[in-house]
Structure formats: C-alpha cells, structure tokens
Amino acid sequence: RFAADVTAAVRDGVKPAFARYQALLRTEILPVARPPEKAGLVALPGAIECYRKAIRVQTSLDITPEELHQIGLDDVAKYRRDLAVLGQKVLGTSDVAEIQRRLRTDPAMQFKAAGEIEAKAREALAKAKSAIPGYFGILPKAECEVKVMGMHEAPQSTIAYYRNGPLDHSRPANYMINTYQPETRPRYEAEALAFHESIPGHHLQIAI
C-alpha cells in the first residue's frame, strides 16, 4: 500500500508539478531572462552599491568589490606558496601541480581501514576538547561524541557531518563519520574535518 501511494504521489503530483515548472522556465522566464554574459548583480543598475552593501552585511567591512576580490587572490597566492614549501619538506617537491597529484592519487595519503578513520576522529575530537577552554569563554553544556554512520546511510552520504543533540541533553551531539571505502578518505584532511564538523566548529556554533 505504501509503495502504491508513493508511486501515485509521484505520478499524479510531483511529475506534473515539475513539468509545469519546466514549461514556465522555458516559455515565460527564458525569453525575458538576461543572457549568460550578463548574469549576476553586475549587469543591473546600482550593481556596485549592491555589492558594497552585501560585503558590509556579510563581513562588516566597508571595502569595494575589487578590494575584496584582491584579498582572495592574495590569499590563494599565499596558500600556494605555503603548499610549495610544505610539499618540498614532506614530499620532496615544490611543484604545486605535482603536490596536488600526489595528494589525490598516492595510496599512502589515504586511510587503509575503517578503524583508522574512527581512531583518528576520536583522537582529533579529544585534542579539540582539551584545547577549547584556552580559546573560548562560553562552552557547550552538551557533550559531542564520534559516531560511525550505519551502512544504510554511508554509501550515499557525505564524508562527515554534525548532528546536534536534543535540548534535554538526553543524548550527546554526534560527530558523524563515514568509514565506507576508507581508501578514498584522505588522512591529511581528517583533523581539519573533525575541527570543522565538531569542536570548535558546528558544536560550539549550534549547541550554544
């Protein structure tokens, strides 16, 4: 019965709605839409002021779009210089393209077993927990623990995510890790991933 109801809902509701939406885009929106080379705010009247207001809202800085773009270009150049130095130290090459190729293709850069991923996640979370009192005055009351995704979820899921705990603290928040196909999980991203998804990242953001 459930399968029949779902099939009917898709056939009678979802597919016709998407067909109407597609027709709207093709027959009404596309003929009056701006061409691809004029996409974005820049093609509209008052564009620069719109960008400046957006920059102010998002960053609190009173700078021009050109200045903000240059910050990005400068940072990318710095990261590439730093990567070249680190690559020479660790991999014996300062060529950024070769460093990136090695990081993406060398089996030594990937985990070999699911247990390694879990152990590294627990180690990184413990390291972060011990460090945060030195950097943050307000800390979450809720705990955050590593939890491995079940195989019903892992093959179609992202490499990791944060799941907040309930308001009554009846269970901890979870740093959900994906140990499926460990040979595709980079070792060198594990700590940064843990710090982003759990502590001090989403756990301090959401639990507080």
N, C-alpha and C. Protein backbone atom coordinates (compact mmCIF):
# COMPACT_ATOMS: atom_id res chain seq x y z
N ARG A 1 0.83 -1.21 0.00
CA ARG A 1 0.00 0.00 0.00
C ARG A 1 0.87 1.26 0.00
N PHE A 2 1.92 1.23 0.85
CA PHE A 2 2.80 2.39 0.91
C PHE A 2 3.45 2.64 -0.45
N ALA A 3 3.96 1.59 -1.07
CA ALA A 3 4.60 1.73 -2.39
C ALA A 3 3.62 2.28 -3.42
N ALA A 4 2.39 1.80 -3.37
CA ALA A 4 1.38 2.27 -4.32
C ALA A 4 1.06 3.75 -4.09
N ASP A 5 0.98 4.16 -2.82
CA ASP A 5 0.68 5.56 -2.50
C ASP A 5 1.82 6.48 -2.94
N VAL A 6 3.06 6.04 -2.70
CA VAL A 6 4.21 6.85 -3.11
C VAL A 6 4.25 6.98 -4.63
N THR A 7 4.05 5.87 -5.31
CA THR A 7 4.05 5.89 -6.78
C THR A 7 2.98 6.83 -7.31
N ALA A 8 1.80 6.78 -6.71
CA ALA A 8 0.71 7.66 -7.15
C ALA A 8 1.03 9.13 -6.88
N ALA A 9 1.66 9.40 -5.73
CA ALA A 9 2.00 10.78 -5.39
C ALA A 9 3.00 11.34 -6.39
N VAL A 10 4.00 10.54 -6.76
CA VAL A 10 4.99 10.99 -7.74
C VAL A 10 4.35 11.16 -9.11
N ARG A 11 3.55 10.18 -9.51
CA ARG A 11 2.92 10.22 -10.84
C ARG A 11 1.92 11.35 -10.96
N ASP A 12 1.08 11.53 -9.94
CA ASP A 12 -0.04 12.47 -10.06
C ASP A 12 0.27 13.87 -9.51
N GLY A 13 1.31 13.98 -8.67
CA GLY A 13 1.61 15.27 -8.07
C GLY A 13 2.97 15.83 -8.44
N VAL A 14 4.02 15.06 -8.15
CA VAL A 14 5.38 15.57 -8.31
C VAL A 14 5.74 15.77 -9.78
N LYS A 15 5.56 14.74 -10.60
CA LYS A 15 5.97 14.86 -12.01
C LYS A 15 5.20 15.94 -12.76
N PRO A 16 3.89 16.03 -12.60
CA PRO A 16 3.17 17.12 -13.27
C PRO A 16 3.63 18.50 -12.80
N ALA A 17 3.96 18.63 -11.50
CA ALA A 17 4.43 19.93 -10.99
C ALA A 17 5.76 20.31 -11.62
N PHE A 18 6.67 19.34 -11.73
CA PHE A 18 7.96 19.63 -12.37
C PHE A 18 7.78 19.95 -13.84
N ALA A 19 6.83 19.28 -14.50
CA ALA A 19 6.57 19.57 -15.91
C ALA A 19 6.06 20.99 -16.09
N ARG A 20 5.16 21.43 -15.17
CA ARG A 20 4.66 22.81 -15.24
C ARG A 20 5.79 23.81 -14.98
N TYR A 21 6.65 23.48 -14.04
CA TYR A 21 7.78 24.37 -13.72
C TYR A 21 8.73 24.48 -14.91
N GLN A 22 9.01 23.34 -15.54
CA GLN A 22 9.88 23.35 -16.71
C GLN A 22 9.28 24.18 -17.84
N ALA A 23 7.99 24.04 -18.04
CA ALA A 23 7.31 24.81 -19.08
C ALA A 23 7.36 26.30 -18.77
N LEU A 24 7.19 26.65 -17.50
CA LEU A 24 7.26 28.06 -17.09
C LEU A 24 8.65 28.63 -17.40
N LEU A 25 9.68 27.89 -17.03
CA LEU A 25 11.04 28.36 -17.28
C LEU A 25 11.30 28.55 -18.77
N ARG A 26 10.82 27.59 -19.57
CA ARG A 26 11.11 27.61 -21.00
C ARG A 26 10.30 28.67 -21.74
N THR A 27 9.01 28.78 -21.41
CA THR A 27 8.13 29.63 -22.22
C THR A 27 7.97 31.05 -21.70
N GLU A 28 8.13 31.25 -20.38
CA GLU A 28 7.90 32.58 -19.82
C GLU A 28 9.17 33.25 -19.29
N ILE A 29 10.01 32.49 -18.59
CA ILE A 29 11.19 33.08 -17.97
C ILE A 29 12.33 33.25 -18.97
N LEU A 30 12.67 32.19 -19.70
CA LEU A 30 13.81 32.23 -20.60
C LEU A 30 13.73 33.35 -21.65
N PRO A 31 12.56 33.57 -22.27
CA PRO A 31 12.51 34.62 -23.30
C PRO A 31 12.84 36.03 -22.79
N VAL A 32 12.62 36.28 -21.50
CA VAL A 32 12.90 37.62 -20.97
C VAL A 32 14.11 37.64 -20.03
N ALA A 33 14.80 36.50 -19.89
CA ALA A 33 15.94 36.43 -18.98
C ALA A 33 17.16 37.10 -19.58
N ARG A 34 18.05 37.57 -18.72
CA ARG A 34 19.32 38.13 -19.20
C ARG A 34 20.19 37.01 -19.77
N PRO A 35 21.03 37.30 -20.75
CA PRO A 35 21.92 36.28 -21.32
C PRO A 35 23.02 35.91 -20.33
N PRO A 36 23.67 34.77 -20.51
CA PRO A 36 24.68 34.30 -19.56
C PRO A 36 25.79 35.31 -19.31
N GLU A 37 26.20 36.06 -20.34
CA GLU A 37 27.29 37.01 -20.14
C GLU A 37 26.88 38.21 -19.29
N LYS A 38 25.58 38.32 -18.98
CA LYS A 38 25.12 39.42 -18.12
C LYS A 38 24.45 38.89 -16.85
N ALA A 39 24.87 37.71 -16.43
CA ALA A 39 24.34 37.13 -15.19
C ALA A 39 24.92 37.86 -13.97
N GLY A 40 24.24 37.79 -12.85
CA GLY A 40 24.75 38.38 -11.63
C GLY A 40 24.35 39.83 -11.44
N LEU A 41 24.67 40.36 -10.27
CA LEU A 41 24.30 41.74 -9.93
C LEU A 41 24.95 42.76 -10.84
N VAL A 42 26.13 42.44 -11.35
CA VAL A 42 26.91 43.44 -12.07
C VAL A 42 26.18 43.98 -13.30
N ALA A 43 25.23 43.22 -13.83
CA ALA A 43 24.51 43.65 -15.02
C ALA A 43 23.29 44.50 -14.68
N LEU A 44 23.05 44.74 -13.41
CA LEU A 44 21.86 45.50 -13.01
C LEU A 44 22.23 46.93 -12.62
N PRO A 45 21.27 47.86 -12.70
CA PRO A 45 21.52 49.24 -12.25
C PRO A 45 21.89 49.24 -10.76
N GLY A 46 22.84 50.08 -10.39
CA GLY A 46 23.25 50.17 -8.98
C GLY A 46 24.00 48.96 -8.49
N ALA A 47 24.62 48.23 -9.41
CA ALA A 47 25.24 46.95 -9.05
C ALA A 47 26.35 47.12 -8.01
N ILE A 48 27.23 48.08 -8.22
CA ILE A 48 28.36 48.24 -7.32
C ILE A 48 27.90 48.54 -5.90
N GLU A 49 26.86 49.38 -5.78
CA GLU A 49 26.34 49.69 -4.45
C GLU A 49 25.72 48.46 -3.81
N CYS A 50 25.06 47.64 -4.63
CA CYS A 50 24.50 46.37 -4.11
C CYS A 50 25.61 45.48 -3.56
N TYR A 51 26.70 45.36 -4.33
CA TYR A 51 27.83 44.55 -3.89
C TYR A 51 28.42 45.11 -2.58
N ARG A 52 28.57 46.43 -2.53
CA ARG A 52 29.17 47.02 -1.33
C ARG A 52 28.30 46.76 -0.10
N LYS A 53 26.98 46.85 -0.27
CA LYS A 53 26.09 46.57 0.86
C LYS A 53 26.16 45.10 1.27
N ALA A 54 26.26 44.22 0.27
CA ALA A 54 26.37 42.79 0.57
C ALA A 54 27.67 42.50 1.33
N ILE A 55 28.76 43.15 0.90
CA ILE A 55 30.04 42.97 1.59
C ILE A 55 29.93 43.46 3.03
N ARG A 56 29.29 44.60 3.21
CA ARG A 56 29.13 45.16 4.56
C ARG A 56 28.32 44.21 5.45
N VAL A 57 27.22 43.67 4.90
CA VAL A 57 26.36 42.76 5.67
C VAL A 57 27.11 41.48 6.03
N GLN A 58 27.85 40.93 5.06
CA GLN A 58 28.48 39.63 5.26
C GLN A 58 29.81 39.70 6.02
N THR A 59 30.52 40.83 5.93
CA THR A 59 31.86 40.89 6.52
C THR A 59 32.05 42.01 7.53
N SER A 60 31.15 42.98 7.58
CA SER A 60 31.23 44.20 8.40
C SER A 60 32.28 45.17 7.88
N LEU A 61 32.89 44.88 6.72
CA LEU A 61 33.94 45.74 6.17
C LEU A 61 33.38 46.72 5.16
N ASP A 62 33.90 47.93 5.17
CA ASP A 62 33.50 48.94 4.20
C ASP A 62 34.57 48.99 3.11
N ILE A 63 34.57 48.00 2.22
CA ILE A 63 35.55 47.93 1.15
C ILE A 63 34.84 47.68 -0.17
N THR A 64 35.57 47.89 -1.26
CA THR A 64 34.98 47.73 -2.58
C THR A 64 35.04 46.26 -3.00
N PRO A 65 34.21 45.88 -3.99
CA PRO A 65 34.30 44.52 -4.51
C PRO A 65 35.70 44.19 -5.04
N GLU A 66 36.34 45.18 -5.66
CA GLU A 66 37.69 44.95 -6.18
C GLU A 66 38.69 44.66 -5.05
N GLU A 67 38.56 45.39 -3.95
CA GLU A 67 39.45 45.16 -2.81
C GLU A 67 39.22 43.78 -2.20
N LEU A 68 37.95 43.38 -2.10
CA LEU A 68 37.63 42.07 -1.55
C LEU A 68 38.17 40.96 -2.46
N HIS A 69 37.99 41.13 -3.76
CA HIS A 69 38.49 40.15 -4.72
C HIS A 69 40.01 40.02 -4.61
N GLN A 70 40.68 41.15 -4.43
CA GLN A 70 42.14 41.11 -4.32
C GLN A 70 42.60 40.37 -3.07
N ILE A 71 41.84 40.52 -1.97
CA ILE A 71 42.15 39.75 -0.76
C ILE A 71 42.13 38.26 -1.08
N GLY A 72 41.11 37.84 -1.83
CA GLY A 72 41.02 36.44 -2.21
C GLY A 72 42.20 35.99 -3.06
N LEU A 73 42.54 36.80 -4.06
CA LEU A 73 43.67 36.46 -4.92
C LEU A 73 44.97 36.38 -4.12
N ASP A 74 45.18 37.33 -3.21
CA ASP A 74 46.39 37.35 -2.40
C ASP A 74 46.46 36.11 -1.49
N ASP A 75 45.32 35.74 -0.90
CA ASP A 75 45.31 34.58 -0.02
C ASP A 75 45.59 33.29 -0.78
N VAL A 76 44.99 33.16 -1.97
CA VAL A 76 45.24 31.96 -2.78
C VAL A 76 46.73 31.88 -3.11
N ALA A 77 47.33 33.00 -3.49
CA ALA A 77 48.76 33.01 -3.80
C ALA A 77 49.59 32.61 -2.58
N LYS A 78 49.21 33.11 -1.39
CA LYS A 78 49.93 32.75 -0.17
C LYS A 78 49.79 31.26 0.12
N TYR A 79 48.57 30.72 -0.02
CA TYR A 79 48.36 29.30 0.25
C TYR A 79 49.20 28.44 -0.70
N ARG A 80 49.31 28.86 -1.95
CA ARG A 80 50.10 28.10 -2.91
C ARG A 80 51.59 28.16 -2.56
N ARG A 81 52.06 29.31 -2.07
CA ARG A 81 53.45 29.39 -1.63
C ARG A 81 53.69 28.50 -0.42
N ASP A 82 52.76 28.54 0.53
CA ASP A 82 52.89 27.70 1.73
C ASP A 82 52.86 26.22 1.35
N LEU A 83 51.98 25.87 0.42
CA LEU A 83 51.87 24.48 -0.02
C LEU A 83 53.15 24.03 -0.69
N ALA A 84 53.77 24.92 -1.46
CA ALA A 84 55.03 24.57 -2.12
C ALA A 84 56.12 24.28 -1.10
N VAL A 85 56.21 25.10 -0.06
CA VAL A 85 57.21 24.89 0.99
C VAL A 85 56.94 23.58 1.73
N LEU A 86 55.69 23.34 2.10
CA LEU A 86 55.33 22.12 2.81
C LEU A 86 55.55 20.89 1.94
N GLY A 87 55.19 21.02 0.63
CA GLY A 87 55.39 19.91 -0.28
C GLY A 87 56.86 19.54 -0.42
N GLN A 88 57.72 20.55 -0.47
CA GLN A 88 59.16 20.28 -0.55
C GLN A 88 59.64 19.54 0.69
N LYS A 89 59.13 19.95 1.86
CA LYS A 89 59.54 19.33 3.12
C LYS A 89 59.04 17.90 3.26
N VAL A 90 57.78 17.68 2.87
CA VAL A 90 57.16 16.37 3.13
C VAL A 90 57.27 15.42 1.94
N LEU A 91 57.12 15.97 0.73
CA LEU A 91 57.06 15.12 -0.46
C LEU A 91 58.28 15.24 -1.37
N GLY A 92 59.15 16.18 -1.06
CA GLY A 92 60.34 16.34 -1.88
C GLY A 92 60.14 17.08 -3.18
N THR A 93 59.02 17.82 -3.29
CA THR A 93 58.77 18.64 -4.48
C THR A 93 58.03 19.90 -4.09
N SER A 94 58.38 21.00 -4.76
CA SER A 94 57.68 22.27 -4.50
C SER A 94 56.73 22.60 -5.64
N ASP A 95 56.59 21.71 -6.62
CA ASP A 95 55.68 21.93 -7.74
C ASP A 95 54.24 21.68 -7.27
N VAL A 96 53.41 22.72 -7.27
CA VAL A 96 52.07 22.62 -6.70
C VAL A 96 51.22 21.59 -7.44
N ALA A 97 51.32 21.55 -8.77
CA ALA A 97 50.54 20.57 -9.53
C ALA A 97 50.93 19.15 -9.15
N GLU A 98 52.22 18.90 -8.96
CA GLU A 98 52.68 17.57 -8.57
C GLU A 98 52.26 17.24 -7.14
N ILE A 99 52.32 18.24 -6.27
CA ILE A 99 51.86 18.04 -4.89
C ILE A 99 50.39 17.64 -4.88
N GLN A 100 49.57 18.38 -5.63
CA GLN A 100 48.14 18.06 -5.68
C GLN A 100 47.90 16.68 -6.27
N ARG A 101 48.67 16.33 -7.30
CA ARG A 101 48.52 14.99 -7.90
C ARG A 101 48.84 13.91 -6.88
N ARG A 102 49.92 14.09 -6.12
CA ARG A 102 50.30 13.10 -5.12
C ARG A 102 49.25 13.00 -4.02
N LEU A 103 48.75 14.15 -3.58
CA LEU A 103 47.74 14.14 -2.53
C LEU A 103 46.48 13.39 -2.96
N ARG A 104 46.15 13.48 -4.25
CA ARG A 104 44.91 12.87 -4.75
C ARG A 104 45.08 11.41 -5.17
N THR A 105 46.30 10.99 -5.49
CA THR A 105 46.46 9.65 -6.08
C THR A 105 47.34 8.69 -5.29
N ASP A 106 48.18 9.19 -4.39
CA ASP A 106 49.09 8.32 -3.66
C ASP A 106 48.33 7.55 -2.59
N PRO A 107 48.31 6.22 -2.65
CA PRO A 107 47.58 5.43 -1.64
C PRO A 107 48.05 5.69 -0.22
N ALA A 108 49.28 6.12 -0.04
CA ALA A 108 49.80 6.39 1.31
C ALA A 108 49.08 7.57 1.95
N MET A 109 48.45 8.40 1.13
CA MET A 109 47.74 9.57 1.65
C MET A 109 46.33 9.23 2.13
N GLN A 110 45.88 8.01 1.86
CA GLN A 110 44.53 7.61 2.22
C GLN A 110 44.55 6.62 3.39
N PHE A 111 43.43 6.53 4.08
CA PHE A 111 43.30 5.52 5.13
C PHE A 111 43.23 4.13 4.49
N LYS A 112 43.61 3.13 5.27
CA LYS A 112 43.57 1.76 4.76
C LYS A 112 42.40 0.96 5.33
N ALA A 113 41.91 1.36 6.49
CA ALA A 113 40.85 0.59 7.14
C ALA A 113 39.89 1.53 7.87
N ALA A 114 38.65 1.05 8.03
CA ALA A 114 37.62 1.86 8.69
C ALA A 114 38.02 2.23 10.11
N GLY A 115 38.67 1.30 10.80
CA GLY A 115 39.08 1.56 12.18
C GLY A 115 40.06 2.71 12.29
N GLU A 116 40.90 2.90 11.27
CA GLU A 116 41.84 4.01 11.28
C GLU A 116 41.11 5.35 11.24
N ILE A 117 40.06 5.41 10.42
CA ILE A 117 39.27 6.65 10.32
C ILE A 117 38.64 6.98 11.67
N GLU A 118 38.04 5.97 12.30
CA GLU A 118 37.37 6.19 13.58
C GLU A 118 38.38 6.60 14.66
N ALA A 119 39.53 5.93 14.70
CA ALA A 119 40.54 6.24 15.71
C ALA A 119 41.05 7.67 15.54
N LYS A 120 41.28 8.09 14.30
CA LYS A 120 41.77 9.45 14.05
C LYS A 120 40.71 10.48 14.43
N ALA A 121 39.43 10.18 14.15
CA ALA A 121 38.35 11.10 14.50
C ALA A 121 38.27 11.27 16.02
N ARG A 122 38.38 10.17 16.76
CA ARG A 122 38.32 10.24 18.22
C ARG A 122 39.53 11.00 18.78
N GLU A 123 40.69 10.77 18.19
CA GLU A 123 41.90 11.47 18.63
C GLU A 123 41.78 12.98 18.39
N ALA A 124 41.29 13.35 17.20
CA ALA A 124 41.15 14.78 16.88
C ALA A 124 40.12 15.45 17.78
N LEU A 125 39.00 14.77 18.04
CA LEU A 125 37.96 15.36 18.89
C LEU A 125 38.47 15.53 20.32
N ALA A 126 39.22 14.55 20.82
CA ALA A 126 39.78 14.66 22.17
C ALA A 126 40.77 15.82 22.26
N LYS A 127 41.57 15.99 21.22
CA LYS A 127 42.53 17.09 21.17
C LYS A 127 41.80 18.43 21.20
N ALA A 128 40.72 18.53 20.43
CA ALA A 128 39.96 19.78 20.38
C ALA A 128 39.28 20.07 21.72
N LYS A 129 38.72 19.04 22.35
CA LYS A 129 38.06 19.24 23.64
C LYS A 129 39.03 19.77 24.69
N SER A 130 40.23 19.27 24.69
CA SER A 130 41.20 19.71 25.69
C SER A 130 41.70 21.11 25.42
N ALA A 131 41.62 21.56 24.17
CA ALA A 131 42.16 22.87 23.81
C ALA A 131 41.16 24.01 23.94
N ILE A 132 39.86 23.73 23.77
CA ILE A 132 38.90 24.84 23.66
C ILE A 132 38.79 25.73 24.90
N PRO A 133 38.99 25.24 26.12
CA PRO A 133 38.89 26.17 27.26
C PRO A 133 39.91 27.31 27.19
N GLY A 134 41.00 27.11 26.49
CA GLY A 134 42.01 28.14 26.37
C GLY A 134 41.67 29.20 25.34
N TYR A 135 40.63 28.96 24.55
CA TYR A 135 40.29 29.88 23.47
C TYR A 135 38.87 30.44 23.57
N PHE A 136 37.97 29.76 24.28
CA PHE A 136 36.57 30.18 24.33
C PHE A 136 36.10 30.31 25.77
N GLY A 137 35.38 31.40 26.06
CA GLY A 137 34.88 31.61 27.41
C GLY A 137 33.58 30.88 27.68
N ILE A 138 32.73 30.79 26.65
CA ILE A 138 31.44 30.10 26.80
C ILE A 138 31.54 28.76 26.08
N LEU A 139 31.30 27.68 26.79
CA LEU A 139 31.40 26.33 26.23
C LEU A 139 30.06 25.63 26.28
N PRO A 140 29.80 24.71 25.37
CA PRO A 140 28.51 24.00 25.39
C PRO A 140 28.38 23.11 26.62
N LYS A 141 27.15 23.00 27.10
CA LYS A 141 26.88 22.04 28.16
C LYS A 141 26.80 20.63 27.59
N ALA A 142 26.33 20.53 26.36
CA ALA A 142 26.16 19.22 25.72
C ALA A 142 27.50 18.63 25.35
N GLU A 143 27.59 17.32 25.46
CA GLU A 143 28.78 16.59 25.01
C GLU A 143 28.71 16.38 23.50
N CYS A 144 29.86 16.11 22.90
CA CYS A 144 29.92 15.74 21.49
C CYS A 144 30.77 14.49 21.38
N GLU A 145 30.25 13.48 20.71
CA GLU A 145 30.94 12.21 20.59
C GLU A 145 30.99 11.75 19.14
N VAL A 146 32.00 10.98 18.83
CA VAL A 146 32.14 10.40 17.49
C VAL A 146 31.15 9.25 17.34
N LYS A 147 30.48 9.21 16.19
CA LYS A 147 29.59 8.09 15.89
C LYS A 147 29.78 7.71 14.42
N VAL A 148 29.91 6.43 14.17
CA VAL A 148 30.11 5.94 12.81
C VAL A 148 28.76 5.79 12.13
N MET A 149 28.64 6.30 10.91
CA MET A 149 27.40 6.14 10.14
C MET A 149 27.13 4.66 9.87
N GLY A 150 25.86 4.30 9.90
CA GLY A 150 25.48 2.94 9.53
C GLY A 150 25.60 2.74 8.02
N MET A 151 25.71 1.50 7.61
CA MET A 151 25.87 1.20 6.19
C MET A 151 24.59 1.43 5.39
N HIS A 152 23.47 1.64 6.08
CA HIS A 152 22.25 2.04 5.36
C HIS A 152 22.37 3.46 4.83
N GLU A 153 23.31 4.24 5.41
CA GLU A 153 23.45 5.65 5.07
C GLU A 153 24.76 5.95 4.37
N ALA A 154 25.84 5.34 4.83
CA ALA A 154 27.19 5.74 4.43
C ALA A 154 27.45 5.77 2.93
N PRO A 155 27.05 4.76 2.15
CA PRO A 155 27.41 4.77 0.72
C PRO A 155 26.86 5.97 -0.05
N GLN A 156 25.76 6.56 0.42
CA GLN A 156 25.17 7.71 -0.28
C GLN A 156 25.40 9.04 0.45
N SER A 157 26.17 9.01 1.54
CA SER A 157 26.29 10.21 2.37
C SER A 157 27.62 10.93 2.14
N THR A 158 27.73 12.09 2.76
CA THR A 158 28.96 12.86 2.73
C THR A 158 30.00 12.22 3.64
N ILE A 159 31.24 12.76 3.64
CA ILE A 159 32.30 12.11 4.40
C ILE A 159 32.13 12.29 5.91
N ALA A 160 31.42 13.34 6.33
CA ALA A 160 31.18 13.57 7.75
C ALA A 160 30.18 14.70 7.91
N TYR A 161 29.51 14.72 9.05
CA TYR A 161 28.62 15.85 9.36
C TYR A 161 28.37 15.90 10.86
N TYR A 162 27.78 16.99 11.31
CA TYR A 162 27.46 17.18 12.73
C TYR A 162 25.97 16.95 12.95
N ARG A 163 25.63 16.23 14.00
CA ARG A 163 24.22 16.03 14.38
C ARG A 163 24.06 16.56 15.81
N ASN A 164 23.27 17.62 15.94
CA ASN A 164 23.13 18.21 17.27
C ASN A 164 22.30 17.33 18.19
N GLY A 165 22.53 17.46 19.48
CA GLY A 165 21.79 16.69 20.47
C GLY A 165 20.46 17.34 20.80
N PRO A 166 19.59 16.64 21.53
CA PRO A 166 18.30 17.21 21.92
C PRO A 166 18.47 18.27 23.01
N LEU A 167 17.45 19.11 23.15
CA LEU A 167 17.52 20.20 24.12
C LEU A 167 17.59 19.69 25.56
N ASP A 168 17.06 18.50 25.83
CA ASP A 168 17.07 17.99 27.21
C ASP A 168 18.37 17.26 27.56
N HIS A 169 19.34 17.24 26.63
CA HIS A 169 20.64 16.61 26.84
C HIS A 169 20.53 15.12 27.15
N SER A 170 19.47 14.48 26.68
CA SER A 170 19.29 13.05 26.94
C SER A 170 20.27 12.19 26.14
N ARG A 171 20.88 12.77 25.13
CA ARG A 171 21.98 12.10 24.43
C ARG A 171 22.94 13.18 23.94
N PRO A 172 24.18 12.82 23.68
CA PRO A 172 25.14 13.83 23.22
C PRO A 172 24.93 14.19 21.76
N ALA A 173 25.54 15.28 21.35
CA ALA A 173 25.65 15.56 19.93
C ALA A 173 26.64 14.57 19.33
N ASN A 174 26.57 14.41 18.02
CA ASN A 174 27.44 13.43 17.37
C ASN A 174 28.24 14.04 16.23
N TYR A 175 29.50 13.69 16.19
CA TYR A 175 30.32 13.92 15.02
C TYR A 175 30.22 12.65 14.19
N MET A 176 29.39 12.71 13.15
CA MET A 176 29.09 11.52 12.34
C MET A 176 30.19 11.34 11.29
N ILE A 177 30.83 10.18 11.29
CA ILE A 177 31.91 9.93 10.34
C ILE A 177 31.54 8.77 9.41
N ASN A 178 32.02 8.89 8.20
CA ASN A 178 31.75 7.89 7.16
C ASN A 178 33.00 7.04 6.96
N THR A 179 32.93 5.77 7.33
CA THR A 179 34.09 4.88 7.20
C THR A 179 33.96 3.96 5.99
N TYR A 180 32.97 4.20 5.15
CA TYR A 180 32.78 3.40 3.94
C TYR A 180 33.90 3.71 2.95
N GLN A 181 34.46 2.70 2.33
CA GLN A 181 35.56 2.83 1.38
C GLN A 181 36.68 3.71 1.95
N PRO A 182 37.34 3.26 3.00
CA PRO A 182 38.36 4.07 3.67
C PRO A 182 39.50 4.49 2.75
N GLU A 183 39.74 3.72 1.71
CA GLU A 183 40.84 4.05 0.80
C GLU A 183 40.57 5.32 -0.01
N THR A 184 39.34 5.86 0.10
CA THR A 184 39.02 7.12 -0.58
C THR A 184 39.03 8.31 0.39
N ARG A 185 39.40 8.09 1.66
CA ARG A 185 39.36 9.14 2.68
C ARG A 185 40.77 9.64 2.97
N PRO A 186 41.07 10.89 2.66
CA PRO A 186 42.43 11.41 2.86
C PRO A 186 42.79 11.55 4.34
N ARG A 187 43.99 11.07 4.69
CA ARG A 187 44.49 11.23 6.06
C ARG A 187 44.71 12.70 6.41
N TYR A 188 45.21 13.47 5.43
CA TYR A 188 45.63 14.83 5.70
C TYR A 188 44.46 15.79 5.91
N GLU A 189 43.24 15.34 5.64
CA GLU A 189 42.06 16.18 5.88
C GLU A 189 41.36 15.86 7.19
N ALA A 190 41.77 14.77 7.85
CA ALA A 190 40.98 14.24 8.96
C ALA A 190 40.85 15.21 10.13
N GLU A 191 41.96 15.84 10.53
CA GLU A 191 41.87 16.74 11.69
C GLU A 191 41.07 17.99 11.36
N ALA A 192 41.36 18.61 10.20
CA ALA A 192 40.61 19.82 9.82
C ALA A 192 39.12 19.51 9.71
N LEU A 193 38.79 18.35 9.17
CA LEU A 193 37.40 17.94 9.04
C LEU A 193 36.75 17.81 10.42
N ALA A 194 37.45 17.17 11.34
CA ALA A 194 36.91 17.00 12.70
C ALA A 194 36.71 18.33 13.39
N PHE A 195 37.69 19.23 13.28
CA PHE A 195 37.58 20.54 13.94
C PHE A 195 36.43 21.35 13.35
N HIS A 196 36.21 21.22 12.05
CA HIS A 196 35.12 21.97 11.40
C HIS A 196 33.76 21.41 11.80
N GLU A 197 33.60 20.09 11.69
CA GLU A 197 32.28 19.48 11.90
C GLU A 197 31.90 19.35 13.37
N SER A 198 32.89 19.29 14.25
CA SER A 198 32.55 19.07 15.67
C SER A 198 33.03 20.22 16.54
N ILE A 199 34.21 20.10 17.11
CA ILE A 199 34.76 21.12 18.01
C ILE A 199 36.05 21.66 17.42
N PRO A 200 36.16 22.98 17.30
CA PRO A 200 35.28 24.03 17.78
C PRO A 200 34.23 24.49 16.77
N GLY A 201 34.01 23.74 15.70
CA GLY A 201 33.13 24.16 14.62
C GLY A 201 31.66 24.15 14.96
N HIS A 202 30.93 23.20 14.34
CA HIS A 202 29.48 23.23 14.44
C HIS A 202 28.98 22.98 15.87
N HIS A 203 29.75 22.27 16.69
CA HIS A 203 29.26 22.01 18.04
C HIS A 203 29.17 23.31 18.85
N LEU A 204 30.23 24.13 18.82
CA LEU A 204 30.16 25.41 19.54
C LEU A 204 29.13 26.33 18.89
N GLN A 205 29.03 26.26 17.56
CA GLN A 205 28.07 27.10 16.85
C GLN A 205 26.63 26.75 17.22
N ILE A 206 26.30 25.46 17.18
CA ILE A 206 24.89 25.03 17.27
C ILE A 206 24.48 24.73 18.71
N ALA A 207 25.34 24.04 19.47
CA ALA A 207 24.94 23.66 20.83
C ALA A 207 24.77 24.90 21.71
N ILE A 208 25.63 25.89 21.53
CA ILE A 208 25.49 27.10 22.35
C ILE A 208 24.27 27.91 21.89
